[in-house]
Amino acid sequence: MNSLKPEDTGVYYCKADLLSRLLSRGTYWGQGTQVTV
């Protein structure tokens, strides 16, 4: 993230669509990380 602006402030979450070793598909989310500009 470059040239950050105050409106970029907030929590950023990672999301992944994946296939597990149990052969099931799903969407997973991280806990989030705070960014304050």
PDB file of all heavy atoms in Angstrom:
ATOM      1  N   MET A   1       0.843  -1.186   0.000  1.00  0.00           N
ATOM      2  CA  MET A   1       0.000   0.000   0.000  1.00  0.00           C
ATOM      3  C   MET A   1       0.883   1.244   0.000  1.00  0.00           C
ATOM      4  O   MET A   1       1.615   1.489   0.960  1.00  0.00           O
ATOM      5  CB  MET A   1      -0.933   0.007   1.213  1.00  0.00           C
ATOM      6  CG  MET A   1      -1.811  -1.240   1.316  1.00  0.00           C
ATOM      7  SD  MET A   1      -3.037  -1.135   2.651  1.00  0.00           S
ATOM      8  CE  MET A   1      -1.942  -1.103   4.072  1.00  0.00           C
ATOM      9  N   ASN A   2       0.811   2.009  -1.071  1.00  0.00           N
ATOM     10  CA  ASN A   2       1.572   3.241  -1.202  1.00  0.00           C
ATOM     11  C   ASN A   2       0.626   4.434  -1.283  1.00  0.00           C
ATOM     12  O   ASN A   2      -0.557   4.290  -1.555  1.00  0.00           O
ATOM     13  CB  ASN A   2       2.454   3.200  -2.453  1.00  0.00           C
ATOM     14  CG  ASN A   2       3.485   2.100  -2.423  1.00  0.00           C
ATOM     15  OD1 ASN A   2       4.008   1.749  -1.365  1.00  0.00           O
ATOM     16  ND2 ASN A   2       3.805   1.555  -3.588  1.00  0.00           N
ATOM     17  N   SER A   3       1.178   5.617  -1.064  1.00  0.00           N
ATOM     18  CA  SER A   3       0.400   6.857  -1.131  1.00  0.00           C
ATOM     19  C   SER A   3      -0.880   6.754  -0.319  1.00  0.00           C
ATOM     20  O   SER A   3      -1.969   7.090  -0.782  1.00  0.00           O
ATOM     21  CB  SER A   3       0.080   7.198  -2.591  1.00  0.00           C
ATOM     22  OG  SER A   3       1.256   7.332  -3.356  1.00  0.00           O
ATOM     23  N   LEU A   4      -0.751   6.305   0.901  1.00  0.00           N
ATOM     24  CA  LEU A   4      -1.913   6.069   1.751  1.00  0.00           C
ATOM     25  C   LEU A   4      -2.653   7.362   2.076  1.00  0.00           C
ATOM     26  O   LEU A   4      -2.051   8.422   2.243  1.00  0.00           O
ATOM     27  CB  LEU A   4      -1.490   5.371   3.035  1.00  0.00           C
ATOM     28  CG  LEU A   4      -1.208   3.870   2.876  1.00  0.00           C
ATOM     29  CD1 LEU A   4      -0.400   3.345   4.039  1.00  0.00           C
ATOM     30  CD2 LEU A   4      -2.526   3.103   2.744  1.00  0.00           C
ATOM     31  N   LYS A   5      -3.971   7.240   2.154  1.00  0.00           N
ATOM     32  CA  LYS A   5      -4.858   8.350   2.448  1.00  0.00           C
ATOM     33  C   LYS A   5      -5.620   8.070   3.738  1.00  0.00           C
ATOM     34  O   LYS A   5      -5.806   6.914   4.118  1.00  0.00           O
ATOM     35  CB  LYS A   5      -5.861   8.547   1.308  1.00  0.00           C
ATOM     36  CG  LYS A   5      -5.234   8.759  -0.058  1.00  0.00           C
ATOM     37  CD  LYS A   5      -6.305   8.808  -1.139  1.00  0.00           C
ATOM     38  CE  LYS A   5      -5.697   8.997  -2.512  1.00  0.00           C
ATOM     39  NZ  LYS A   5      -6.745   9.026  -3.575  1.00  0.00           N
ATOM     40  N   PRO A   6      -6.087   9.112   4.429  1.00  0.00           N
ATOM     41  CA  PRO A   6      -6.861   8.884   5.654  1.00  0.00           C
ATOM     42  C   PRO A   6      -8.060   7.960   5.445  1.00  0.00           C
ATOM     43  O   PRO A   6      -8.403   7.192   6.354  1.00  0.00           O
ATOM     44  CB  PRO A   6      -7.307  10.295   6.047  1.00  0.00           C
ATOM     45  CG  PRO A   6      -6.214  11.167   5.533  1.00  0.00           C
ATOM     46  CD  PRO A   6      -5.817  10.548   4.217  1.00  0.00           C
ATOM     47  N   GLU A   7      -8.692   8.008   4.281  1.00  0.00           N
ATOM     48  CA  GLU A   7      -9.839   7.151   4.015  1.00  0.00           C
ATOM     49  C   GLU A   7      -9.473   5.678   3.872  1.00  0.00           C
ATOM     50  O   GLU A   7     -10.353   4.818   3.824  1.00  0.00           O
ATOM     51  CB  GLU A   7     -10.612   7.620   2.777  1.00  0.00           C
ATOM     52  CG  GLU A   7      -9.735   7.854   1.558  1.00  0.00           C
ATOM     53  CD  GLU A   7      -9.363   9.315   1.382  1.00  0.00           C
ATOM     54  OE1 GLU A   7      -9.004   9.958   2.383  1.00  0.00           O
ATOM     55  OE2 GLU A   7      -9.433   9.813   0.236  1.00  0.00           O
ATOM     56  N   ASP A   8      -8.178   5.369   3.805  1.00  0.00           N
ATOM     57  CA  ASP A   8      -7.736   3.980   3.790  1.00  0.00           C
ATOM     58  C   ASP A   8      -7.764   3.361   5.183  1.00  0.00           C
ATOM     59  O   ASP A   8      -7.571   2.149   5.327  1.00  0.00           O
ATOM     60  CB  ASP A   8      -6.318   3.867   3.227  1.00  0.00           C
ATOM     61  CG  ASP A   8      -6.230   4.276   1.771  1.00  0.00           C
ATOM     62  OD1 ASP A   8      -7.166   3.960   1.001  1.00  0.00           O
ATOM     63  OD2 ASP A   8      -5.221   4.904   1.396  1.00  0.00           O
ATOM     64  N   THR A   9      -7.986   4.175   6.189  1.00  0.00           N
ATOM     65  CA  THR A   9      -8.031   3.704   7.567  1.00  0.00           C
ATOM     66  C   THR A   9      -9.114   2.649   7.765  1.00  0.00           C
ATOM     67  O   THR A   9     -10.214   2.766   7.226  1.00  0.00           O
ATOM     68  CB  THR A   9      -8.274   4.880   8.525  1.00  0.00           C
ATOM     69  OG1 THR A   9      -7.124   5.731   8.526  1.00  0.00           O
ATOM     70  CG2 THR A   9      -8.525   4.403   9.951  1.00  0.00           C
ATOM     71  N   GLY A  10      -8.789   1.621   8.528  1.00  0.00           N
ATOM     72  CA  GLY A  10      -9.749   0.584   8.823  1.00  0.00           C
ATOM     73  C   GLY A  10      -9.070  -0.749   9.026  1.00  0.00           C
ATOM     74  O   GLY A  10      -7.846  -0.835   9.101  1.00  0.00           O
ATOM     75  N   VAL A  11      -9.869  -1.787   9.100  1.00  0.00           N
ATOM     76  CA  VAL A  11      -9.357  -3.134   9.276  1.00  0.00           C
ATOM     77  C   VAL A  11      -9.268  -3.816   7.920  1.00  0.00           C
ATOM     78  O   VAL A  11     -10.218  -3.776   7.134  1.00  0.00           O
ATOM     79  CB  VAL A  11     -10.247  -3.959  10.220  1.00  0.00           C
ATOM     80  CG1 VAL A  11      -9.701  -5.376  10.378  1.00  0.00           C
ATOM     81  CG2 VAL A  11     -10.348  -3.279  11.580  1.00  0.00           C
ATOM     82  N   TYR A  12      -8.140  -4.436   7.664  1.00  0.00           N
ATOM     83  CA  TYR A  12      -7.921  -5.159   6.415  1.00  0.00           C
ATOM     84  C   TYR A  12      -7.945  -6.659   6.683  1.00  0.00           C
ATOM     85  O   TYR A  12      -7.244  -7.160   7.563  1.00  0.00           O
ATOM     86  CB  TYR A  12      -6.599  -4.739   5.776  1.00  0.00           C
ATOM     87  CG  TYR A  12      -6.682  -3.380   5.134  1.00  0.00           C
ATOM     88  CD1 TYR A  12      -6.638  -2.227   5.906  1.00  0.00           C
ATOM     89  CD2 TYR A  12      -6.841  -3.245   3.755  1.00  0.00           C
ATOM     90  CE1 TYR A  12      -6.753  -0.975   5.326  1.00  0.00           C
ATOM     91  CE2 TYR A  12      -6.953  -2.000   3.169  1.00  0.00           C
ATOM     92  CZ  TYR A  12      -6.913  -0.867   3.962  1.00  0.00           C
ATOM     93  OH  TYR A  12      -7.023   0.377   3.376  1.00  0.00           O
ATOM     94  N   TYR A  13      -8.767  -7.352   5.908  1.00  0.00           N
ATOM     95  CA  TYR A  13      -8.955  -8.785   6.069  1.00  0.00           C
ATOM     96  C   TYR A  13      -8.438  -9.547   4.858  1.00  0.00           C
ATOM     97  O   TYR A  13      -8.655  -9.137   3.714  1.00  0.00           O
ATOM     98  CB  TYR A  13     -10.430  -9.127   6.248  1.00  0.00           C
ATOM     99  CG  TYR A  13     -11.064  -8.557   7.487  1.00  0.00           C
ATOM    100  CD1 TYR A  13     -11.672  -7.309   7.464  1.00  0.00           C
ATOM    101  CD2 TYR A  13     -11.066  -9.273   8.682  1.00  0.00           C
ATOM    102  CE1 TYR A  13     -12.263  -6.777   8.604  1.00  0.00           C
ATOM    103  CE2 TYR A  13     -11.662  -8.754   9.822  1.00  0.00           C
ATOM    104  CZ  TYR A  13     -12.258  -7.502   9.775  1.00  0.00           C
ATOM    105  OH  TYR A  13     -12.845  -6.986  10.904  1.00  0.00           O
ATOM    106  N   CYS A  14      -7.796 -10.648   5.124  1.00  0.00           N
ATOM    107  CA  CYS A  14      -7.343 -11.561   4.093  1.00  0.00           C
ATOM    108  C   CYS A  14      -8.404 -12.630   3.867  1.00  0.00           C
ATOM    109  O   CYS A  14      -9.004 -13.132   4.822  1.00  0.00           O
ATOM    110  CB  CYS A  14      -6.023 -12.206   4.531  1.00  0.00           C
ATOM    111  SG  CYS A  14      -5.396 -13.504   3.453  1.00  0.00           S
ATOM    112  N   LYS A  15      -8.660 -12.960   2.616  1.00  0.00           N
ATOM    113  CA  LYS A  15      -9.619 -14.003   2.271  1.00  0.00           C
ATOM    114  C   LYS A  15      -8.988 -14.998   1.311  1.00  0.00           C
ATOM    115  O   LYS A  15      -8.239 -14.615   0.415  1.00  0.00           O
ATOM    116  CB  LYS A  15     -10.869 -13.399   1.625  1.00  0.00           C
ATOM    117  CG  LYS A  15     -11.940 -14.426   1.270  1.00  0.00           C
ATOM    118  CD  LYS A  15     -13.121 -13.787   0.568  1.00  0.00           C
ATOM    119  CE  LYS A  15     -12.792 -13.496  -0.879  1.00  0.00           C
ATOM    120  NZ  LYS A  15     -12.712 -14.725  -1.698  1.00  0.00           N
ATOM    121  N   ALA A  16      -9.301 -16.261   1.495  1.00  0.00           N
ATOM    122  CA  ALA A  16      -8.783 -17.297   0.614  1.00  0.00           C
ATOM    123  C   ALA A  16      -9.865 -18.304   0.268  1.00  0.00           C
ATOM    124  O   ALA A  16     -10.587 -18.780   1.145  1.00  0.00           O
ATOM    125  CB  ALA A  16      -7.602 -18.010   1.257  1.00  0.00           C
ATOM    126  N   ASP A  17      -9.974 -18.607  -1.007  1.00  0.00           N
ATOM    127  CA  ASP A  17     -10.800 -19.715  -1.478  1.00  0.00           C
ATOM    128  C   ASP A  17      -9.862 -20.893  -1.694  1.00  0.00           C
ATOM    129  O   ASP A  17      -8.857 -20.759  -2.394  1.00  0.00           O
ATOM    130  CB  ASP A  17     -11.506 -19.363  -2.787  1.00  0.00           C
ATOM    131  CG  ASP A  17     -12.457 -18.200  -2.634  1.00  0.00           C
ATOM    132  OD1 ASP A  17     -13.083 -18.082  -1.566  1.00  0.00           O
ATOM    133  OD2 ASP A  17     -12.583 -17.407  -3.593  1.00  0.00           O
ATOM    134  N   LEU A  18     -10.184 -22.025  -1.106  1.00  0.00           N
ATOM    135  CA  LEU A  18      -9.244 -23.132  -1.163  1.00  0.00           C
ATOM    136  C   LEU A  18      -9.925 -24.488  -1.161  1.00  0.00           C
ATOM    137  O   LEU A  18     -11.118 -24.612  -0.891  1.00  0.00           O
ATOM    138  CB  LEU A  18      -8.242 -23.046   0.003  1.00  0.00           C
ATOM    139  CG  LEU A  18      -8.802 -23.018   1.432  1.00  0.00           C
ATOM    140  CD1 LEU A  18      -9.072 -24.428   1.944  1.00  0.00           C
ATOM    141  CD2 LEU A  18      -7.829 -22.306   2.355  1.00  0.00           C
ATOM    142  N   LEU A  19      -9.120 -25.484  -1.482  1.00  0.00           N
ATOM    143  CA  LEU A  19      -9.524 -26.876  -1.396  1.00  0.00           C
ATOM    144  C   LEU A  19      -8.693 -27.503  -0.294  1.00  0.00           C
ATOM    145  O   LEU A  19      -7.466 -27.490  -0.354  1.00  0.00           O
ATOM    146  CB  LEU A  19      -9.289 -27.585  -2.730  1.00  0.00           C
ATOM    147  CG  LEU A  19      -9.663 -29.061  -2.799  1.00  0.00           C
ATOM    148  CD1 LEU A  19     -11.169 -29.231  -2.677  1.00  0.00           C
ATOM    149  CD2 LEU A  19      -9.169 -29.670  -4.107  1.00  0.00           C
ATOM    150  N   SER A  20      -9.354 -28.041   0.713  1.00  0.00           N
ATOM    151  CA  SER A  20      -8.643 -28.664   1.819  1.00  0.00           C
ATOM    152  C   SER A  20      -8.210 -30.072   1.454  1.00  0.00           C
ATOM    153  O   SER A  20      -8.644 -30.638   0.447  1.00  0.00           O
ATOM    154  CB  SER A  20      -9.518 -28.702   3.067  1.00  0.00           C
ATOM    155  OG  SER A  20     -10.512 -29.696   2.956  1.00  0.00           O
ATOM    156  N   ARG A  21      -7.358 -30.634   2.298  1.00  0.00           N
ATOM    157  CA  ARG A  21      -6.913 -32.015   2.070  1.00  0.00           C
ATOM    158  C   ARG A  21      -8.018 -33.026   2.341  1.00  0.00           C
ATOM    159  O   ARG A  21      -7.856 -34.208   2.038  1.00  0.00           O
ATOM    160  CB  ARG A  21      -5.685 -32.311   2.930  1.00  0.00           C
ATOM    161  CG  ARG A  21      -4.443 -31.544   2.489  1.00  0.00           C
ATOM    162  CD  ARG A  21      -3.174 -32.159   3.038  1.00  0.00           C
ATOM    163  NE  ARG A  21      -1.989 -31.540   2.457  1.00  0.00           N
ATOM    164  CZ  ARG A  21      -1.183 -30.724   3.096  1.00  0.00           C
ATOM    165  NH1 ARG A  21      -1.388 -30.425   4.366  1.00  0.00           N
ATOM    166  NH2 ARG A  21      -0.137 -30.212   2.465  1.00  0.00           N
ATOM    167  N   LEU A  22      -9.124 -32.557   2.897  1.00  0.00           N
ATOM    168  CA  LEU A  22     -10.310 -33.393   3.051  1.00  0.00           C
ATOM    169  C   LEU A  22     -11.221 -33.291   1.830  1.00  0.00           C
ATOM    170  O   LEU A  22     -12.348 -33.786   1.851  1.00  0.00           O
ATOM    171  CB  LEU A  22     -11.079 -32.996   4.311  1.00  0.00           C
ATOM    172  CG  LEU A  22     -10.345 -33.173   5.637  1.00  0.00           C
ATOM    173  CD1 LEU A  22     -11.213 -32.683   6.784  1.00  0.00           C
ATOM    174  CD2 LEU A  22      -9.962 -34.624   5.841  1.00  0.00           C
ATOM    175  N   LEU A  23     -10.734 -32.640   0.781  1.00  0.00           N
ATOM    176  CA  LEU A  23     -11.429 -32.496  -0.497  1.00  0.00           C
ATOM    177  C   LEU A  23     -12.702 -31.659  -0.391  1.00  0.00           C
ATOM    178  O   LEU A  23     -13.673 -31.893  -1.114  1.00  0.00           O
ATOM    179  CB  LEU A  23     -11.738 -33.863  -1.106  1.00  0.00           C
ATOM    180  CG  LEU A  23     -10.536 -34.789  -1.329  1.00  0.00           C
ATOM    181  CD1 LEU A  23     -10.982 -36.093  -1.960  1.00  0.00           C
ATOM    182  CD2 LEU A  23      -9.493 -34.108  -2.204  1.00  0.00           C
ATOM    183  N   SER A  24     -12.698 -30.700   0.490  1.00  0.00           N
ATOM    184  CA  SER A  24     -13.816 -29.785   0.622  1.00  0.00           C
ATOM    185  C   SER A  24     -13.382 -28.372   0.253  1.00  0.00           C
ATOM    186  O   SER A  24     -12.283 -27.938   0.598  1.00  0.00           O
ATOM    187  CB  SER A  24     -14.372 -29.811   2.044  1.00  0.00           C
ATOM    188  OG  SER A  24     -13.403 -29.372   2.980  1.00  0.00           O
ATOM    189  N   ARG A  25     -14.235 -27.664  -0.455  1.00  0.00           N
ATOM    190  CA  ARG A  25     -13.966 -26.288  -0.834  1.00  0.00           C
ATOM    191  C   ARG A  25     -14.601 -25.337   0.163  1.00  0.00           C
ATOM    192  O   ARG A  25     -15.677 -25.600   0.706  1.00  0.00           O
ATOM    193  CB  ARG A  25     -14.496 -25.998  -2.234  1.00  0.00           C
ATOM    194  CG  ARG A  25     -13.733 -26.707  -3.333  1.00  0.00           C
ATOM    195  CD  ARG A  25     -14.249 -26.334  -4.694  1.00  0.00           C
ATOM    196  NE  ARG A  25     -13.478 -26.948  -5.755  1.00  0.00           N
ATOM    197  CZ  ARG A  25     -13.693 -26.775  -7.047  1.00  0.00           C
ATOM    198  NH1 ARG A  25     -14.685 -25.997  -7.446  1.00  0.00           N
ATOM    199  NH2 ARG A  25     -12.937 -27.382  -7.938  1.00  0.00           N
ATOM    200  N   GLY A  26     -13.928 -24.238   0.388  1.00  0.00           N
ATOM    201  CA  GLY A  26     -14.466 -23.259   1.309  1.00  0.00           C
ATOM    202  C   GLY A  26     -13.753 -21.930   1.226  1.00  0.00           C
ATOM    203  O   GLY A  26     -12.704 -21.808   0.587  1.00  0.00           O
ATOM    204  N   THR A  27     -14.347 -20.943   1.849  1.00  0.00           N
ATOM    205  CA  THR A  27     -13.778 -19.610   1.930  1.00  0.00           C
ATOM    206  C   THR A  27     -13.381 -19.337   3.375  1.00  0.00           C
ATOM    207  O   THR A  27     -14.178 -19.546   4.292  1.00  0.00           O
ATOM    208  CB  THR A  27     -14.779 -18.554   1.452  1.00  0.00           C
ATOM    209  OG1 THR A  27     -15.109 -18.797   0.085  1.00  0.00           O
ATOM    210  CG2 THR A  27     -14.191 -17.158   1.587  1.00  0.00           C
ATOM    211  N   TYR A  28     -12.162 -18.860   3.562  1.00  0.00           N
ATOM    212  CA  TYR A  28     -11.640 -18.601   4.895  1.00  0.00           C
ATOM    213  C   TYR A  28     -11.207 -17.152   5.020  1.00  0.00           C
ATOM    214  O   TYR A  28     -10.727 -16.543   4.057  1.00  0.00           O
ATOM    215  CB  TYR A  28     -10.461 -19.533   5.196  1.00  0.00           C
ATOM    216  CG  TYR A  28     -10.861 -20.984   5.310  1.00  0.00           C
ATOM    217  CD1 TYR A  28     -11.026 -21.764   4.173  1.00  0.00           C
ATOM    218  CD2 TYR A  28     -11.088 -21.562   6.555  1.00  0.00           C
ATOM    219  CE1 TYR A  28     -11.412 -23.091   4.271  1.00  0.00           C
ATOM    220  CE2 TYR A  28     -11.471 -22.886   6.660  1.00  0.00           C
ATOM    221  CZ  TYR A  28     -11.629 -23.647   5.517  1.00  0.00           C
ATOM    222  OH  TYR A  28     -12.009 -24.959   5.618  1.00  0.00           O
ATOM    223  N   TRP A  29     -11.390 -16.622   6.217  1.00  0.00           N
ATOM    224  CA  TRP A  29     -11.045 -15.237   6.518  1.00  0.00           C
ATOM    225  C   TRP A  29     -10.045 -15.162   7.656  1.00  0.00           C
ATOM    226  O   TRP A  29     -10.088 -15.959   8.594  1.00  0.00           O
ATOM    227  CB  TRP A  29     -12.285 -14.441   6.916  1.00  0.00           C
ATOM    228  CG  TRP A  29     -13.278 -14.255   5.821  1.00  0.00           C
ATOM    229  CD1 TRP A  29     -14.281 -15.094   5.458  1.00  0.00           C
ATOM    230  CD2 TRP A  29     -13.365 -13.130   4.946  1.00  0.00           C
ATOM    231  NE1 TRP A  29     -14.990 -14.572   4.416  1.00  0.00           N
ATOM    232  CE2 TRP A  29     -14.453 -13.365   4.080  1.00  0.00           C
ATOM    233  CE3 TRP A  29     -12.637 -11.951   4.823  1.00  0.00           C
ATOM    234  CZ2 TRP A  29     -14.826 -12.455   3.091  1.00  0.00           C
ATOM    235  CZ3 TRP A  29     -13.004 -11.044   3.841  1.00  0.00           C
ATOM    236  CH2 TRP A  29     -14.090 -11.302   2.987  1.00  0.00           C
ATOM    237  N   GLY A  30      -9.154 -14.184   7.568  1.00  0.00           N
ATOM    238  CA  GLY A  30      -8.254 -13.913   8.666  1.00  0.00           C
ATOM    239  C   GLY A  30      -8.935 -13.072   9.728  1.00  0.00           C
ATOM    240  O   GLY A  30     -10.079 -12.642   9.569  1.00  0.00           O
ATOM    241  N   GLN A  31      -8.231 -12.828  10.808  1.00  0.00           N
ATOM    242  CA  GLN A  31      -8.775 -12.048  11.916  1.00  0.00           C
ATOM    243  C   GLN A  31      -8.782 -10.551  11.633  1.00  0.00           C
ATOM    244  O   GLN A  31      -9.522  -9.807  12.266  1.00  0.00           O
ATOM    245  CB  GLN A  31      -7.972 -12.315  13.191  1.00  0.00           C
ATOM    246  CG  GLN A  31      -8.087 -13.727  13.728  1.00  0.00           C
ATOM    247  CD  GLN A  31      -9.340 -13.940  14.531  1.00  0.00           C
ATOM    248  OE1 GLN A  31     -10.428 -14.099  13.970  1.00  0.00           O
ATOM    249  NE2 GLN A  31      -9.210 -13.956  15.842  1.00  0.00           N
ATOM    250  N   GLY A  32      -7.969 -10.111  10.701  1.00  0.00           N
ATOM    251  CA  GLY A  32      -7.890  -8.713  10.340  1.00  0.00           C
ATOM    252  C   GLY A  32      -6.712  -8.015  10.990  1.00  0.00           C
ATOM    253  O   GLY A  32      -6.254  -8.407  12.067  1.00  0.00           O
ATOM    254  N   THR A  33      -6.228  -6.980  10.338  1.00  0.00           N
ATOM    255  CA  THR A  33      -5.156  -6.160  10.879  1.00  0.00           C
ATOM    256  C   THR A  33      -5.508  -4.691  10.694  1.00  0.00           C
ATOM    257  O   THR A  33      -6.012  -4.283   9.646  1.00  0.00           O
ATOM    258  CB  THR A  33      -3.804  -6.500  10.208  1.00  0.00           C
ATOM    259  OG1 THR A  33      -2.749  -5.766  10.839  1.00  0.00           O
ATOM    260  CG2 THR A  33      -3.816  -6.187   8.719  1.00  0.00           C
ATOM    261  N   GLN A  34      -5.276  -3.901  11.727  1.00  0.00           N
ATOM    262  CA  GLN A  34      -5.680  -2.500  11.735  1.00  0.00           C
ATOM    263  C   GLN A  34      -4.671  -1.623  11.011  1.00  0.00           C
ATOM    264  O   GLN A  34      -3.464  -1.713  11.253  1.00  0.00           O
ATOM    265  CB  GLN A  34      -5.846  -2.004  13.176  1.00  0.00           C
ATOM    266  CG  GLN A  34      -6.170  -0.520  13.313  1.00  0.00           C
ATOM    267  CD  GLN A  34      -7.559  -0.173  12.844  1.00  0.00           C
ATOM    268  OE1 GLN A  34      -8.507  -0.914  13.104  1.00  0.00           O
ATOM    269  NE2 GLN A  34      -7.696   0.954  12.150  1.00  0.00           N
ATOM    270  N   VAL A  35      -5.180  -0.757  10.150  1.00  0.00           N
ATOM    271  CA  VAL A  35      -4.376   0.253   9.472  1.00  0.00           C
ATOM    272  C   VAL A  35      -4.961   1.618   9.795  1.00  0.00           C
ATOM    273  O   VAL A  35      -6.158   1.850   9.605  1.00  0.00           O
ATOM    274  CB  VAL A  35      -4.359   0.049   7.947  1.00  0.00           C
ATOM    275  CG1 VAL A  35      -3.714   1.245   7.247  1.00  0.00           C
ATOM    276  CG2 VAL A  35      -3.632  -1.238   7.595  1.00  0.00           C
ATOM    277  N   THR A  36      -4.125   2.508  10.294  1.00  0.00           N
ATOM    278  CA  THR A  36      -4.563   3.859  10.615  1.00  0.00           C
ATOM    279  C   THR A  36      -3.676   4.854   9.888  1.00  0.00           C
ATOM    280  O   THR A  36      -2.454   4.828  10.039  1.00  0.00           O
ATOM    281  CB  THR A  36      -4.499   4.122  12.129  1.00  0.00           C
ATOM    282  OG1 THR A  36      -5.304   3.165  12.819  1.00  0.00           O
ATOM    283  CG2 THR A  36      -5.013   5.523  12.445  1.00  0.00           C
ATOM    284  N   VAL A  37      -4.295   5.718   9.096  1.00  0.00           N
ATOM    285  CA  VAL A  37      -3.571   6.724   8.327  1.00  0.00           C
ATOM    286  C   VAL A  37      -3.941   8.098   8.869  1.00  0.00           C
ATOM    287  O   VAL A  37      -5.108   8.497   8.819  1.00  0.00           O
ATOM    288  CB  VAL A  37      -3.900   6.645   6.833  1.00  0.00           C
ATOM    289  CG1 VAL A  37      -3.062   7.654   6.055  1.00  0.00           C
ATOM    290  CG2 VAL A  37      -3.665   5.240   6.305  1.00  0.00           C
TER     291      VAL A  37
END
